[in-house]
Amino acid sequence: MVNLIALVAHDVSLHGVEKSRKSVFMDKQFPTRPSIDARSSRSYAIVASEFNKDLVQSLADHAIAELISLEPDAVADVFWVPGSFEIPLFVQAAAKSRRYDAVIALGVILQGETAHATLVADAVTHALLNISLEYELPVVHEVLLVNTLEQAQARCMGTEHNRGVEAAKAAVSATRNLLVFN
């Protein structure tokens, strides 16, 4: 089984003319890949939204593959939830269980004509941060807020900038780095 939760910040729009090119295009800087640790037997939870399932399934598949590549004996459990708004509840349940070394939250929210998508994304972001801090557990936020299907496909379906891979790297790195304090 594979468990991963990803915390991914969504693009934040700047007001007026101050909007930079950086906020329009994906940042090409990605975290370095952690080293492979064949001795590790950590457990990861992945909480994934069924909404936009084709996109999220790709994120989950890439995250699991990267986790297993970095830590071949790792355990990853995947929990599918109805939508992105439900992700924090299940991340909290995973954190509360104390069975996981990190949780990856995966979802895709497409911006529509109303503020609903932004409200959901903001609520999810704040909830995931609070859970991470309350339980002192790495929660990787990869609940993506995107403007178009093309943006979602570039981040979810491709291999060059797949956010599932980045989520796995972040989970492994955060888990290893947190050991310094325990």
Protein backbone atom coordinates (compact mmCIF):
# COMPACT_ATOMS: atom_id res chain seq x y z
CA MET A 1 0.00 0.00 0.00
CA VAL A 2 1.13 3.54 -0.57
CA ASN A 3 0.46 6.57 1.66
CA LEU A 4 1.27 10.11 0.68
CA ILE A 5 -0.17 13.52 1.35
CA ALA A 6 0.95 16.50 -0.51
CA LEU A 7 0.83 20.11 0.42
CA VAL A 8 1.28 22.31 -2.59
CA ALA A 9 0.75 26.00 -2.56
CA HIS A 10 -1.38 27.34 -5.35
CA ASP A 11 -0.38 30.26 -7.55
CA VAL A 12 -1.14 33.55 -5.85
CA SER A 13 -2.23 36.43 -8.05
CA LEU A 14 -0.68 39.80 -7.35
CA HIS A 15 -2.77 42.94 -7.65
CA GLY A 16 -2.36 45.48 -10.42
CA VAL A 17 0.72 46.01 -12.52
CA GLU A 18 3.01 44.40 -9.93
CA LYS A 19 2.16 40.96 -11.30
CA SER A 20 5.46 39.40 -12.23
CA ARG A 21 6.29 36.88 -14.93
CA LYS A 22 7.12 34.43 -12.16
CA SER A 23 3.49 34.26 -11.07
CA VAL A 24 2.39 33.51 -14.64
CA PHE A 25 4.83 30.69 -15.45
CA MET A 26 5.74 27.59 -13.46
CA ASP A 27 8.91 28.01 -11.50
CA LYS A 28 11.64 25.86 -13.05
CA GLN A 29 13.45 25.47 -9.73
CA PHE A 30 12.63 22.16 -8.06
CA PRO A 31 13.97 20.62 -4.86
CA THR A 32 16.91 18.31 -5.28
CA ARG A 33 16.15 14.63 -5.28
CA PRO A 34 16.91 12.93 -1.95
CA SER A 35 19.32 10.03 -2.00
CA ILE A 36 18.00 6.48 -2.23
CA ASP A 37 17.72 4.75 1.14
CA ALA A 38 17.18 1.02 0.67
CA ARG A 39 17.05 0.48 4.45
CA SER A 40 14.16 2.82 5.14
CA SER A 41 10.78 1.36 6.02
CA ARG A 42 8.82 4.57 6.52
CA SER A 43 5.07 4.82 6.06
CA TYR A 44 3.36 7.45 3.96
CA ALA A 45 -0.31 8.31 3.55
CA ILE A 46 -1.62 9.79 0.33
CA VAL A 47 -4.99 11.49 0.51
CA ALA A 48 -6.30 12.07 -3.01
CA SER A 49 -9.39 13.74 -4.42
CA GLU A 50 -11.68 11.74 -6.71
CA PHE A 51 -12.76 14.98 -8.37
CA ASN A 52 -10.71 15.37 -11.58
CA LYS A 53 -9.65 11.76 -10.96
CA ASP A 54 -7.67 11.25 -14.18
CA LEU A 55 -5.38 14.12 -13.23
CA VAL A 56 -5.14 13.18 -9.56
CA GLN A 57 -4.57 9.49 -10.37
CA SER A 58 -1.53 10.51 -12.40
CA LEU A 59 -0.23 12.57 -9.47
CA ALA A 60 -0.73 9.61 -7.13
CA ASP A 61 0.92 7.14 -9.52
CA HIS A 62 3.95 9.39 -9.97
CA ALA A 63 4.20 10.05 -6.23
CA ILE A 64 4.09 6.35 -5.40
CA ALA A 65 6.68 5.49 -8.04
CA GLU A 66 9.03 8.17 -6.72
CA LEU A 67 8.53 7.08 -3.10
CA ILE A 68 9.29 3.48 -3.91
CA SER A 69 12.28 4.60 -5.98
CA LEU A 70 13.69 6.62 -3.07
CA GLU A 71 12.76 4.14 -0.32
CA PRO A 72 12.08 0.67 -1.78
CA ASP A 73 10.72 -0.71 1.52
CA ALA A 74 8.42 2.24 2.18
CA VAL A 75 4.72 1.65 2.74
CA ALA A 76 2.30 3.99 1.02
CA ASP A 77 -1.46 3.89 1.67
CA VAL A 78 -3.76 5.81 -0.66
CA PHE A 79 -7.08 7.17 0.58
CA TRP A 80 -9.52 8.48 -2.03
CA VAL A 81 -11.94 11.18 -0.89
CA PRO A 82 -14.81 12.84 -2.80
CA GLY A 83 -13.19 16.22 -3.41
CA SER A 84 -10.43 18.60 -2.38
CA PHE A 85 -12.51 20.12 0.42
CA GLU A 86 -12.62 16.71 2.15
CA ILE A 87 -8.85 16.20 2.00
CA PRO A 88 -8.01 17.94 5.33
CA LEU A 89 -10.40 15.75 7.34
CA PHE A 90 -8.67 12.60 6.11
CA VAL A 91 -5.20 14.10 6.45
CA GLN A 92 -6.10 14.89 10.06
CA ALA A 93 -7.31 11.31 10.61
CA ALA A 94 -4.05 9.96 9.18
CA ALA A 95 -2.04 12.33 11.36
CA LYS A 96 -4.06 11.47 14.45
CA SER A 97 -3.47 7.74 13.87
CA ARG A 98 0.30 8.28 14.27
CA ARG A 99 0.82 5.47 11.71
CA TYR A 100 2.47 7.65 9.09
CA ASP A 101 5.78 9.47 8.87
CA ALA A 102 4.33 11.95 6.36
CA VAL A 103 1.10 12.62 4.50
CA ILE A 104 0.72 13.82 0.93
CA ALA A 105 -2.44 15.67 -0.14
CA LEU A 106 -3.26 15.47 -3.85
CA GLY A 107 -6.00 17.27 -5.70
CA VAL A 108 -6.76 19.50 -8.67
CA ILE A 109 -9.05 22.50 -8.45
CA LEU A 110 -9.90 24.25 -11.70
CA GLN A 111 -10.65 27.96 -11.34
CA GLY A 112 -14.10 28.76 -12.65
CA GLU A 113 -16.11 31.93 -13.10
CA THR A 114 -16.92 32.27 -9.38
CA ALA A 115 -14.79 32.52 -6.24
CA HIS A 116 -15.67 28.97 -5.16
CA ALA A 117 -12.39 27.39 -6.31
CA THR A 118 -10.32 30.03 -4.53
CA LEU A 119 -12.36 29.62 -1.34
CA VAL A 120 -11.86 25.84 -1.38
CA ALA A 121 -8.14 26.15 -2.13
CA ASP A 122 -7.62 28.68 0.66
CA ALA A 123 -9.54 26.57 3.18
CA VAL A 124 -7.59 23.44 2.25
CA THR A 125 -4.26 25.25 2.44
CA HIS A 126 -4.91 26.68 5.89
CA ALA A 127 -6.29 23.40 7.22
CA LEU A 128 -3.32 21.37 5.96
CA LEU A 129 -0.84 23.79 7.49
CA ASN A 130 -2.63 23.66 10.83
CA ILE A 131 -2.70 19.85 10.81
CA SER A 132 1.01 19.70 10.03
CA LEU A 133 1.85 22.04 12.88
CA GLU A 134 -0.55 20.47 15.39
CA TYR A 135 0.74 16.94 14.82
CA GLU A 136 4.34 17.92 14.00
CA LEU A 137 4.02 15.83 10.85
CA PRO A 138 5.16 16.66 7.33
CA VAL A 139 2.07 17.30 5.24
CA VAL A 140 2.90 17.88 1.60
CA HIS A 141 0.35 20.11 -0.09
CA GLU A 142 -0.17 19.25 -3.73
CA VAL A 143 -3.76 20.36 -4.03
CA LEU A 144 -3.30 22.42 -7.15
CA LEU A 145 -5.38 25.48 -8.03
CA VAL A 146 -5.05 26.04 -11.76
CA ASN A 147 -6.72 28.29 -14.30
CA THR A 148 -6.94 25.86 -17.21
CA LEU A 149 -7.02 22.18 -18.02
CA GLU A 150 -3.76 22.66 -19.91
CA GLN A 151 -2.06 23.93 -16.74
CA ALA A 152 -3.40 20.93 -14.83
CA GLN A 153 -2.19 18.48 -17.47
CA ALA A 154 1.29 20.03 -17.50
CA ARG A 155 1.57 19.58 -13.72
CA CYS A 156 -0.16 16.20 -13.42
CA MET A 157 0.23 14.18 -16.59
CA GLY A 158 3.72 15.06 -17.71
CA THR A 159 7.02 13.81 -16.43
CA GLU A 160 9.09 17.01 -16.59
CA HIS A 161 7.17 18.97 -13.94
CA ASN A 162 4.97 16.34 -12.34
CA ARG A 163 3.84 17.58 -8.94
CA GLY A 164 3.32 14.02 -7.70
CA VAL A 165 7.04 13.38 -8.07
CA GLU A 166 7.81 16.67 -6.33
CA ALA A 167 5.41 15.77 -3.51
CA ALA A 168 7.19 12.46 -2.93
CA LYS A 169 10.59 14.17 -2.89
CA ALA A 170 9.31 16.73 -0.39
CA ALA A 171 7.76 14.07 1.85
CA VAL A 172 10.93 11.98 1.94
CA SER A 173 13.18 14.98 2.49
CA ALA A 174 10.98 16.50 5.19
CA THR A 175 10.66 13.18 7.00
CA ARG A 176 14.41 12.64 7.00
CA ASN A 177 15.17 16.20 8.06
CA LEU A 178 12.64 16.10 10.89
CA LEU A 179 14.51 13.16 12.42
CA VAL A 180 17.16 15.64 13.55
CA PHE A 181 14.72 16.96 16.15
CA ASN A 182 13.46 13.61 17.44
